Amino acid sequence: SDFKYARVPYIAVATDLLTGKEVRIKSGNIADAIR
């Protein structure tokens, strides 16, 4: 569960609750990104 093992470039989209801005997660732990 790490983006470096992704076979296809992938981004998980989240929202920063404090700023209201879109957050594009594309590195680190994939399970955390999905959560």
Full PDB file with SEQRES, HELIX, SHEET, SSBOND, CRYST1, ORIGX, SCALE, CONECT and MASTER records, all heavy atoms in Angstrom:
SEQRES   1 A   35  SER ASP PHE LYS TYR ALA ARG VAL PRO TYR ILE ALA VAL          
SEQRES   2 A   35  ALA THR ASP LEU LEU THR GLY LYS GLU VAL ARG ILE LYS          
SEQRES   3 A   35  SER GLY ASN ILE ALA ASP ALA ILE ARG                          
HELIX    1 AA1 PHE A    3  TYR A    5  5                                   3    
HELIX    2 AA2 ILE A   30  ILE A   34  1                                   5    
SHEET    1 AA1 2 ALA A  12  THR A  15  0                                        
SHEET    2 AA1 2 GLU A  22  ILE A  25 -1                                        
CRYST1    1.000    1.000    1.000  90.00  90.00  90.00 P 1           1          
ORIGX1      1.000000  0.000000  0.000000        0.00000                         
ORIGX2      0.000000  1.000000  0.000000        0.00000                         
ORIGX3      0.000000  0.000000  1.000000        0.00000                         
SCALE1      1.000000  0.000000  0.000000        0.00000                         
SCALE2      0.000000  1.000000  0.000000        0.00000                         
SCALE3      0.000000  0.000000  1.000000        0.00000                         
ATOM      1  N   SER A   1       0.812  -1.210   0.000  1.00  0.00           N  
ATOM      2  CA  SER A   1       0.000   0.000   0.000  1.00  0.00           C  
ATOM      3  C   SER A   1       0.852   1.270   0.000  1.00  0.00           C  
ATOM      4  O   SER A   1       0.883   2.028   0.961  1.00  0.00           O  
ATOM      5  CB  SER A   1      -0.929   0.000   1.220  1.00  0.00           C  
ATOM      6  OG  SER A   1      -1.786   1.114   1.184  1.00  0.00           O  
ATOM      7  N   ASP A   2       1.524   1.486  -1.112  1.00  0.00           N  
ATOM      8  CA  ASP A   2       2.326   2.690  -1.270  1.00  0.00           C  
ATOM      9  C   ASP A   2       2.252   3.117  -2.728  1.00  0.00           C  
ATOM     10  O   ASP A   2       2.272   2.272  -3.632  1.00  0.00           O  
ATOM     11  CB  ASP A   2       3.781   2.444  -0.862  1.00  0.00           C  
ATOM     12  CG  ASP A   2       4.553   3.752  -0.728  1.00  0.00           C  
ATOM     13  OD1 ASP A   2       4.806   4.413  -1.757  1.00  0.00           O  
ATOM     14  OD2 ASP A   2       4.884   4.121   0.408  1.00  0.00           O  
ATOM     15  N   PHE A   3       2.145   4.416  -2.946  1.00  0.00           N  
ATOM     16  CA  PHE A   3       2.009   4.923  -4.317  1.00  0.00           C  
ATOM     17  C   PHE A   3       3.167   4.503  -5.217  1.00  0.00           C  
ATOM     18  O   PHE A   3       2.998   4.408  -6.431  1.00  0.00           O  
ATOM     19  CB  PHE A   3       1.900   6.451  -4.299  1.00  0.00           C  
ATOM     20  CG  PHE A   3       0.509   6.959  -3.994  1.00  0.00           C  
ATOM     21  CD1 PHE A   3       0.074   7.080  -2.687  1.00  0.00           C  
ATOM     22  CD2 PHE A   3      -0.359   7.311  -5.017  1.00  0.00           C  
ATOM     23  CE1 PHE A   3      -1.196   7.555  -2.394  1.00  0.00           C  
ATOM     24  CE2 PHE A   3      -1.636   7.779  -4.752  1.00  0.00           C  
ATOM     25  CZ  PHE A   3      -2.053   7.903  -3.426  1.00  0.00           C  
ATOM     26  N   LYS A   4       4.329   4.255  -4.653  1.00  0.00           N  
ATOM     27  CA  LYS A   4       5.470   3.879  -5.492  1.00  0.00           C  
ATOM     28  C   LYS A   4       5.279   2.516  -6.149  1.00  0.00           C  
ATOM     29  O   LYS A   4       5.956   2.187  -7.120  1.00  0.00           O  
ATOM     30  CB  LYS A   4       6.763   3.905  -4.682  1.00  0.00           C  
ATOM     31  CG  LYS A   4       6.874   2.857  -3.595  1.00  0.00           C  
ATOM     32  CD  LYS A   4       8.167   3.038  -2.803  1.00  0.00           C  
ATOM     33  CE  LYS A   4       8.299   2.014  -1.695  1.00  0.00           C  
ATOM     34  NZ  LYS A   4       9.523   2.215  -0.885  1.00  0.00           N  
ATOM     35  N   TYR A   5       4.325   1.724  -5.641  1.00  0.00           N  
ATOM     36  CA  TYR A   5       4.050   0.414  -6.232  1.00  0.00           C  
ATOM     37  C   TYR A   5       2.887   0.452  -7.228  1.00  0.00           C  
ATOM     38  O   TYR A   5       2.539  -0.573  -7.814  1.00  0.00           O  
ATOM     39  CB  TYR A   5       3.733  -0.613  -5.138  1.00  0.00           C  
ATOM     40  CG  TYR A   5       4.895  -0.886  -4.208  1.00  0.00           C  
ATOM     41  CD1 TYR A   5       4.846  -0.486  -2.872  1.00  0.00           C  
ATOM     42  CD2 TYR A   5       6.050  -1.514  -4.667  1.00  0.00           C  
ATOM     43  CE1 TYR A   5       5.911  -0.722  -2.019  1.00  0.00           C  
ATOM     44  CE2 TYR A   5       7.120  -1.752  -3.817  1.00  0.00           C  
ATOM     45  CZ  TYR A   5       7.044  -1.359  -2.496  1.00  0.00           C  
ATOM     46  OH  TYR A   5       8.106  -1.588  -1.650  1.00  0.00           O  
ATOM     47  N   ALA A   6       2.290   1.620  -7.421  1.00  0.00           N  
ATOM     48  CA  ALA A   6       1.156   1.736  -8.343  1.00  0.00           C  
ATOM     49  C   ALA A   6       1.599   1.479  -9.780  1.00  0.00           C  
ATOM     50  O   ALA A   6       2.590   2.035 -10.243  1.00  0.00           O  
ATOM     51  CB  ALA A   6       0.527   3.115  -8.225  1.00  0.00           C  
ATOM     52  N   ARG A   7       0.864   0.620 -10.462  1.00  0.00           N  
ATOM     53  CA  ARG A   7       1.177   0.307 -11.858  1.00  0.00           C  
ATOM     54  C   ARG A   7       0.677   1.393 -12.805  1.00  0.00           C  
ATOM     55  O   ARG A   7       1.169   1.530 -13.923  1.00  0.00           O  
ATOM     56  CB  ARG A   7       0.543  -1.041 -12.245  1.00  0.00           C  
ATOM     57  CG  ARG A   7       1.071  -2.231 -11.466  1.00  0.00           C  
ATOM     58  CD  ARG A   7       0.402  -3.517 -11.904  1.00  0.00           C  
ATOM     59  NE  ARG A   7      -1.038  -3.470 -11.705  1.00  0.00           N  
ATOM     60  CZ  ARG A   7      -1.647  -3.755 -10.557  1.00  0.00           C  
ATOM     61  NH1 ARG A   7      -0.935  -4.086  -9.487  1.00  0.00           N  
ATOM     62  NH2 ARG A   7      -2.955  -3.700 -10.460  1.00  0.00           N  
ATOM     63  N   VAL A   8      -0.339   2.127 -12.354  1.00  0.00           N  
ATOM     64  CA  VAL A   8      -0.945   3.196 -13.147  1.00  0.00           C  
ATOM     65  C   VAL A   8      -0.948   4.466 -12.292  1.00  0.00           C  
ATOM     66  O   VAL A   8      -1.307   4.408 -11.109  1.00  0.00           O  
ATOM     67  CB  VAL A   8      -2.394   2.834 -13.537  1.00  0.00           C  
ATOM     68  CG1 VAL A   8      -3.066   3.981 -14.282  1.00  0.00           C  
ATOM     69  CG2 VAL A   8      -2.430   1.563 -14.370  1.00  0.00           C  
ATOM     70  N   PRO A   9      -0.528   5.613 -12.842  1.00  0.00           N  
ATOM     71  CA  PRO A   9      -0.585   6.859 -12.075  1.00  0.00           C  
ATOM     72  C   PRO A   9      -1.989   7.096 -11.510  1.00  0.00           C  
ATOM     73  O   PRO A   9      -2.982   7.029 -12.235  1.00  0.00           O  
ATOM     74  CB  PRO A   9      -0.221   7.922 -13.124  1.00  0.00           C  
ATOM     75  CG  PRO A   9       0.628   7.194 -14.107  1.00  0.00           C  
ATOM     76  CD  PRO A   9       0.044   5.816 -14.191  1.00  0.00           C  
ATOM     77  N   TYR A  10      -2.040   7.380 -10.206  1.00  0.00           N  
ATOM     78  CA  TYR A  10      -3.318   7.422  -9.497  1.00  0.00           C  
ATOM     79  C   TYR A  10      -3.330   8.556  -8.480  1.00  0.00           C  
ATOM     80  O   TYR A  10      -2.320   8.832  -7.828  1.00  0.00           O  
ATOM     81  CB  TYR A  10      -3.512   6.063  -8.799  1.00  0.00           C  
ATOM     82  CG  TYR A  10      -4.416   6.067  -7.588  1.00  0.00           C  
ATOM     83  CD1 TYR A  10      -5.791   6.238  -7.714  1.00  0.00           C  
ATOM     84  CD2 TYR A  10      -3.894   5.880  -6.303  1.00  0.00           C  
ATOM     85  CE1 TYR A  10      -6.617   6.223  -6.589  1.00  0.00           C  
ATOM     86  CE2 TYR A  10      -4.705   5.859  -5.186  1.00  0.00           C  
ATOM     87  CZ  TYR A  10      -6.071   6.032  -5.329  1.00  0.00           C  
ATOM     88  OH  TYR A  10      -6.885   6.026  -4.225  1.00  0.00           O  
ATOM     89  N   ILE A  11      -4.479   9.224  -8.377  1.00  0.00           N  
ATOM     90  CA  ILE A  11      -4.653  10.295  -7.396  1.00  0.00           C  
ATOM     91  C   ILE A  11      -5.968  10.088  -6.650  1.00  0.00           C  
ATOM     92  O   ILE A  11      -7.008   9.807  -7.259  1.00  0.00           O  
ATOM     93  CB  ILE A  11      -4.649  11.683  -8.069  1.00  0.00           C  
ATOM     94  CG1 ILE A  11      -3.235  12.030  -8.570  1.00  0.00           C  
ATOM     95  CG2 ILE A  11      -5.146  12.766  -7.106  1.00  0.00           C  
ATOM     96  CD1 ILE A  11      -3.145  13.367  -9.296  1.00  0.00           C  
ATOM     97  N   ALA A  12      -5.907  10.224  -5.324  1.00  0.00           N  
ATOM     98  CA  ALA A  12      -7.108  10.199  -4.487  1.00  0.00           C  
ATOM     99  C   ALA A  12      -7.438  11.634  -4.107  1.00  0.00           C  
ATOM    100  O   ALA A  12      -6.555  12.392  -3.686  1.00  0.00           O  
ATOM    101  CB  ALA A  12      -6.868   9.359  -3.237  1.00  0.00           C  
ATOM    102  N   VAL A  13      -8.702  12.007  -4.259  1.00  0.00           N  
ATOM    103  CA  VAL A  13      -9.118  13.387  -3.995  1.00  0.00           C  
ATOM    104  C   VAL A  13      -9.789  13.493  -2.630  1.00  0.00           C  
ATOM    105  O   VAL A  13     -10.722  12.756  -2.326  1.00  0.00           O  
ATOM    106  CB  VAL A  13     -10.085  13.895  -5.085  1.00  0.00           C  
ATOM    107  CG1 VAL A  13     -10.500  15.333  -4.800  1.00  0.00           C  
ATOM    108  CG2 VAL A  13      -9.437  13.792  -6.463  1.00  0.00           C  
ATOM    109  N   ALA A  14      -9.299  14.409  -1.816  1.00  0.00           N  
ATOM    110  CA  ALA A  14      -9.875  14.668  -0.493  1.00  0.00           C  
ATOM    111  C   ALA A  14     -10.110  16.173  -0.362  1.00  0.00           C  
ATOM    112  O   ALA A  14      -9.810  16.949  -1.278  1.00  0.00           O  
ATOM    113  CB  ALA A  14      -8.950  14.162   0.608  1.00  0.00           C  
ATOM    114  N   THR A  15     -10.643  16.572   0.800  1.00  0.00           N  
ATOM    115  CA  THR A  15     -10.906  17.989   1.058  1.00  0.00           C  
ATOM    116  C   THR A  15     -10.315  18.381   2.406  1.00  0.00           C  
ATOM    117  O   THR A  15     -10.498  17.671   3.395  1.00  0.00           O  
ATOM    118  CB  THR A  15     -12.428  18.271   1.094  1.00  0.00           C  
ATOM    119  OG1 THR A  15     -13.025  17.841  -0.124  1.00  0.00           O  
ATOM    120  CG2 THR A  15     -12.703  19.761   1.285  1.00  0.00           C  
ATOM    121  N   ASP A  16      -9.600  19.507   2.438  1.00  0.00           N  
ATOM    122  CA  ASP A  16      -9.069  20.030   3.691  1.00  0.00           C  
ATOM    123  C   ASP A  16     -10.217  20.700   4.439  1.00  0.00           C  
ATOM    124  O   ASP A  16     -10.785  21.699   3.981  1.00  0.00           O  
ATOM    125  CB  ASP A  16      -7.956  21.046   3.404  1.00  0.00           C  
ATOM    126  CG  ASP A  16      -7.234  21.501   4.669  1.00  0.00           C  
ATOM    127  OD1 ASP A  16      -7.900  21.671   5.703  1.00  0.00           O  
ATOM    128  OD2 ASP A  16      -6.010  21.696   4.617  1.00  0.00           O  
ATOM    129  N   LEU A  17     -10.572  20.153   5.592  1.00  0.00           N  
ATOM    130  CA  LEU A  17     -11.719  20.627   6.349  1.00  0.00           C  
ATOM    131  C   LEU A  17     -11.550  22.066   6.826  1.00  0.00           C  
ATOM    132  O   LEU A  17     -12.529  22.797   6.983  1.00  0.00           O  
ATOM    133  CB  LEU A  17     -11.959  19.707   7.555  1.00  0.00           C  
ATOM    134  CG  LEU A  17     -13.229  19.921   8.385  1.00  0.00           C  
ATOM    135  CD1 LEU A  17     -14.471  19.714   7.537  1.00  0.00           C  
ATOM    136  CD2 LEU A  17     -13.243  18.978   9.578  1.00  0.00           C  
ATOM    137  N   LEU A  18     -10.317  22.499   7.055  1.00  0.00           N  
ATOM    138  CA  LEU A  18     -10.085  23.832   7.608  1.00  0.00           C  
ATOM    139  C   LEU A  18     -10.025  24.925   6.537  1.00  0.00           C  
ATOM    140  O   LEU A  18     -10.407  26.060   6.782  1.00  0.00           O  
ATOM    141  CB  LEU A  18      -8.789  23.834   8.433  1.00  0.00           C  
ATOM    142  CG  LEU A  18      -8.783  22.882   9.641  1.00  0.00           C  
ATOM    143  CD1 LEU A  18      -7.453  22.972  10.384  1.00  0.00           C  
ATOM    144  CD2 LEU A  18      -9.935  23.194  10.588  1.00  0.00           C  
ATOM    145  N   THR A  19      -9.526  24.569   5.352  1.00  0.00           N  
ATOM    146  CA  THR A  19      -9.392  25.572   4.287  1.00  0.00           C  
ATOM    147  C   THR A  19     -10.456  25.439   3.205  1.00  0.00           C  
ATOM    148  O   THR A  19     -10.681  26.368   2.436  1.00  0.00           O  
ATOM    149  CB  THR A  19      -8.008  25.475   3.617  1.00  0.00           C  
ATOM    150  OG1 THR A  19      -7.905  24.214   2.928  1.00  0.00           O  
ATOM    151  CG2 THR A  19      -6.893  25.582   4.646  1.00  0.00           C  
ATOM    152  N   GLY A  20     -11.071  24.255   3.128  1.00  0.00           N  
ATOM    153  CA  GLY A  20     -12.061  24.009   2.077  1.00  0.00           C  
ATOM    154  C   GLY A  20     -11.446  23.751   0.721  1.00  0.00           C  
ATOM    155  O   GLY A  20     -12.147  23.711  -0.294  1.00  0.00           O  
ATOM    156  N   LYS A  21     -10.130  23.540   0.692  1.00  0.00           N  
ATOM    157  CA  LYS A  21      -9.442  23.341  -0.583  1.00  0.00           C  
ATOM    158  C   LYS A  21      -9.350  21.860  -0.954  1.00  0.00           C  
ATOM    159  O   LYS A  21      -9.299  20.990  -0.092  1.00  0.00           O  
ATOM    160  CB  LYS A  21      -8.034  23.944  -0.521  1.00  0.00           C  
ATOM    161  CG  LYS A  21      -8.027  25.467  -0.433  1.00  0.00           C  
ATOM    162  CD  LYS A  21      -6.605  26.015  -0.436  1.00  0.00           C  
ATOM    163  CE  LYS A  21      -6.604  27.540  -0.394  1.00  0.00           C  
ATOM    164  NZ  LYS A  21      -5.222  28.086  -0.372  1.00  0.00           N  
ATOM    165  N   GLU A  22      -9.326  21.613  -2.248  1.00  0.00           N  
ATOM    166  CA  GLU A  22      -9.137  20.265  -2.770  1.00  0.00           C  
ATOM    167  C   GLU A  22      -7.718  19.795  -2.480  1.00  0.00           C  
ATOM    168  O   GLU A  22      -6.764  20.555  -2.628  1.00  0.00           O  
ATOM    169  CB  GLU A  22      -9.392  20.279  -4.281  1.00  0.00           C  
ATOM    170  CG  GLU A  22      -9.137  18.967  -4.984  1.00  0.00           C  
ATOM    171  CD  GLU A  22      -9.312  19.095  -6.494  1.00  0.00           C  
ATOM    172  OE1 GLU A  22     -10.430  19.437  -6.945  1.00  0.00           O  
ATOM    173  OE2 GLU A  22      -8.333  18.870  -7.217  1.00  0.00           O  
ATOM    174  N   VAL A  23      -7.612  18.553  -2.045  1.00  0.00           N  
ATOM    175  CA  VAL A  23      -6.294  17.961  -1.781  1.00  0.00           C  
ATOM    176  C   VAL A  23      -6.126  16.743  -2.679  1.00  0.00           C  
ATOM    177  O   VAL A  23      -6.927  15.808  -2.619  1.00  0.00           O  
ATOM    178  CB  VAL A  23      -6.152  17.539  -0.302  1.00  0.00           C  
ATOM    179  CG1 VAL A  23      -4.799  16.879  -0.062  1.00  0.00           C  
ATOM    180  CG2 VAL A  23      -6.327  18.743   0.618  1.00  0.00           C  
ATOM    181  N   ARG A  24      -5.102  16.775  -3.513  1.00  0.00           N  
ATOM    182  CA  ARG A  24      -4.832  15.661  -4.423  1.00  0.00           C  
ATOM    183  C   ARG A  24      -3.697  14.831  -3.840  1.00  0.00           C  
ATOM    184  O   ARG A  24      -2.547  15.265  -3.817  1.00  0.00           O  
ATOM    185  CB  ARG A  24      -4.463  16.178  -5.819  1.00  0.00           C  
ATOM    186  CG  ARG A  24      -5.564  17.016  -6.458  1.00  0.00           C  
ATOM    187  CD  ARG A  24      -5.161  17.522  -7.842  1.00  0.00           C  
ATOM    188  NE  ARG A  24      -6.227  18.303  -8.449  1.00  0.00           N  
ATOM    189  CZ  ARG A  24      -6.191  18.792  -9.682  1.00  0.00           C  
ATOM    190  NH1 ARG A  24      -5.117  18.577 -10.454  1.00  0.00           N  
ATOM    191  NH2 ARG A  24      -7.210  19.491 -10.157  1.00  0.00           N  
ATOM    192  N   ILE A  25      -4.029  13.639  -3.373  1.00  0.00           N  
ATOM    193  CA  ILE A  25      -3.025  12.793  -2.725  1.00  0.00           C  
ATOM    194  C   ILE A  25      -2.431  11.834  -3.762  1.00  0.00           C  
ATOM    195  O   ILE A  25      -3.164  11.036  -4.363  1.00  0.00           O  
ATOM    196  CB  ILE A  25      -3.646  12.009  -1.560  1.00  0.00           C  
ATOM    197  CG1 ILE A  25      -4.384  12.964  -0.608  1.00  0.00           C  
ATOM    198  CG2 ILE A  25      -2.562  11.250  -0.802  1.00  0.00           C  
ATOM    199  CD1 ILE A  25      -5.148  12.259   0.495  1.00  0.00           C  
ATOM    200  N   LYS A  26      -1.123  11.918  -3.959  1.00  0.00           N  
ATOM    201  CA  LYS A  26      -0.475  11.095  -4.978  1.00  0.00           C  
ATOM    202  C   LYS A  26       0.847  10.495  -4.516  1.00  0.00           C  
ATOM    203  O   LYS A  26       1.644  10.022  -5.324  1.00  0.00           O  
ATOM    204  CB  LYS A  26      -0.272  11.900  -6.262  1.00  0.00           C  
ATOM    205  CG  LYS A  26       0.432  13.228  -6.063  1.00  0.00           C  
ATOM    206  CD  LYS A  26       0.411  14.018  -7.365  1.00  0.00           C  
ATOM    207  CE  LYS A  26       1.019  15.406  -7.157  1.00  0.00           C  
ATOM    208  NZ  LYS A  26       0.980  16.213  -8.408  1.00  0.00           N  
ATOM    209  N   SER A  27       1.079  10.540  -3.207  1.00  0.00           N  
ATOM    210  CA  SER A  27       2.292   9.921  -2.661  1.00  0.00           C  
ATOM    211  C   SER A  27       2.018   9.448  -1.244  1.00  0.00           C  
ATOM    212  O   SER A  27       1.040   9.848  -0.614  1.00  0.00           O  
ATOM    213  CB  SER A  27       3.452  10.927  -2.658  1.00  0.00           C  
ATOM    214  OG  SER A  27       3.158  12.020  -1.808  1.00  0.00           O  
ATOM    215  N   GLY A  28       2.909   8.560  -0.762  1.00  0.00           N  
ATOM    216  CA  GLY A  28       2.731   8.044   0.585  1.00  0.00           C  
ATOM    217  C   GLY A  28       1.938   6.752   0.607  1.00  0.00           C  
ATOM    218  O   GLY A  28       2.022   5.935  -0.313  1.00  0.00           O  
ATOM    219  N   ASN A  29       1.136   6.583   1.640  1.00  0.00           N  
ATOM    220  CA  ASN A  29       0.374   5.353   1.849  1.00  0.00           C  
ATOM    221  C   ASN A  29      -0.987   5.417   1.155  1.00  0.00           C  
ATOM    222  O   ASN A  29      -1.791   6.317   1.428  1.00  0.00           O  
ATOM    223  CB  ASN A  29       0.188   5.131   3.358  1.00  0.00           C  
ATOM    224  CG  ASN A  29      -0.407   3.782   3.669  1.00  0.00           C  
ATOM    225  OD1 ASN A  29      -1.577   3.546   3.401  1.00  0.00           O  
ATOM    226  ND2 ASN A  29       0.381   2.894   4.246  1.00  0.00           N  
ATOM    227  N   ILE A  30      -1.250   4.482   0.253  1.00  0.00           N  
ATOM    228  CA  ILE A  30      -2.507   4.483  -0.503  1.00  0.00           C  
ATOM    229  C   ILE A  30      -3.702   4.263   0.410  1.00  0.00           C  
ATOM    230  O   ILE A  30      -4.763   4.890   0.235  1.00  0.00           O  
ATOM    231  CB  ILE A  30      -2.472   3.424  -1.624  1.00  0.00           C  
ATOM    232  CG1 ILE A  30      -1.477   3.846  -2.706  1.00  0.00           C  
ATOM    233  CG2 ILE A  30      -3.850   3.226  -2.234  1.00  0.00           C  
ATOM    234  CD1 ILE A  30      -1.348   2.865  -3.849  1.00  0.00           C  
ATOM    235  N   ALA A  31      -3.570   3.373   1.389  1.00  0.00           N  
ATOM    236  CA  ALA A  31      -4.686   3.117   2.303  1.00  0.00           C  
ATOM    237  C   ALA A  31      -5.078   4.384   3.058  1.00  0.00           C  
ATOM    238  O   ALA A  31      -6.261   4.664   3.257  1.00  0.00           O  
ATOM    239  CB  ALA A  31      -4.324   1.997   3.274  1.00  0.00           C  
ATOM    240  N   ASP A  32      -4.090   5.162   3.481  1.00  0.00           N  
ATOM    241  CA  ASP A  32      -4.366   6.433   4.156  1.00  0.00           C  
ATOM    242  C   ASP A  32      -5.059   7.409   3.201  1.00  0.00           C  
ATOM    243  O   ASP A  32      -5.979   8.138   3.589  1.00  0.00           O  
ATOM    244  CB  ASP A  32      -3.066   7.067   4.665  1.00  0.00           C  
ATOM    245  CG  ASP A  32      -2.515   6.366   5.902  1.00  0.00           C  
ATOM    246  OD1 ASP A  32      -3.248   5.549   6.492  1.00  0.00           O  
ATOM    247  OD2 ASP A  32      -1.355   6.636   6.265  1.00  0.00           O  
ATOM    248  N   ALA A  33      -4.591   7.437   1.954  1.00  0.00           N  
ATOM    249  CA  ALA A  33      -5.179   8.334   0.956  1.00  0.00           C  
ATOM    250  C   ALA A  33      -6.648   8.004   0.732  1.00  0.00           C  
ATOM    251  O   ALA A  33      -7.512   8.893   0.672  1.00  0.00           O  
ATOM    252  CB  ALA A  33      -4.404   8.230  -0.355  1.00  0.00           C  
ATOM    253  N   ILE A  34      -6.940   6.714   0.614  1.00  0.00           N  
ATOM    254  CA  ILE A  34      -8.325   6.278   0.404  1.00  0.00           C  
ATOM    255  C   ILE A  34      -9.175   6.589   1.632  1.00  0.00           C  
ATOM    256  O   ILE A  34     -10.301   7.083   1.524  1.00  0.00           O  
ATOM    257  CB  ILE A  34      -8.373   4.776   0.076  1.00  0.00           C  
ATOM    258  CG1 ILE A  34      -7.708   4.503  -1.283  1.00  0.00           C  
ATOM    259  CG2 ILE A  34      -9.823   4.277   0.061  1.00  0.00           C  
ATOM    260  CD1 ILE A  34      -7.505   3.029  -1.588  1.00  0.00           C  
ATOM    261  N   ARG A  35      -8.613   6.309   2.808  1.00  0.00           N  
ATOM    262  CA  ARG A  35      -9.348   6.578   4.060  1.00  0.00           C  
ATOM    263  C   ARG A  35      -9.712   8.056   4.165  1.00  0.00           C  
ATOM    264  O   ARG A  35     -10.808   8.418   4.605  1.00  0.00           O  
ATOM    265  CB  ARG A  35      -8.502   6.129   5.254  1.00  0.00           C  
ATOM    266  CG  ARG A  35      -9.031   6.539   6.629  1.00  0.00           C  
ATOM    267  CD  ARG A  35     -10.404   5.950   6.933  1.00  0.00           C  
ATOM    268  NE  ARG A  35     -10.875   6.428   8.224  1.00  0.00           N  
ATOM    269  CZ  ARG A  35     -11.504   7.577   8.433  1.00  0.00           C  
ATOM    270  NH1 ARG A  35     -11.724   8.388   7.410  1.00  0.00           N  
ATOM    271  NH2 ARG A  35     -11.905   7.922   9.645  1.00  0.00           N  
TER     272      ARG A  35                                                      
MASTER        0    0    0    2    2    0    0    6  271    1    0    3          
END                                                                             
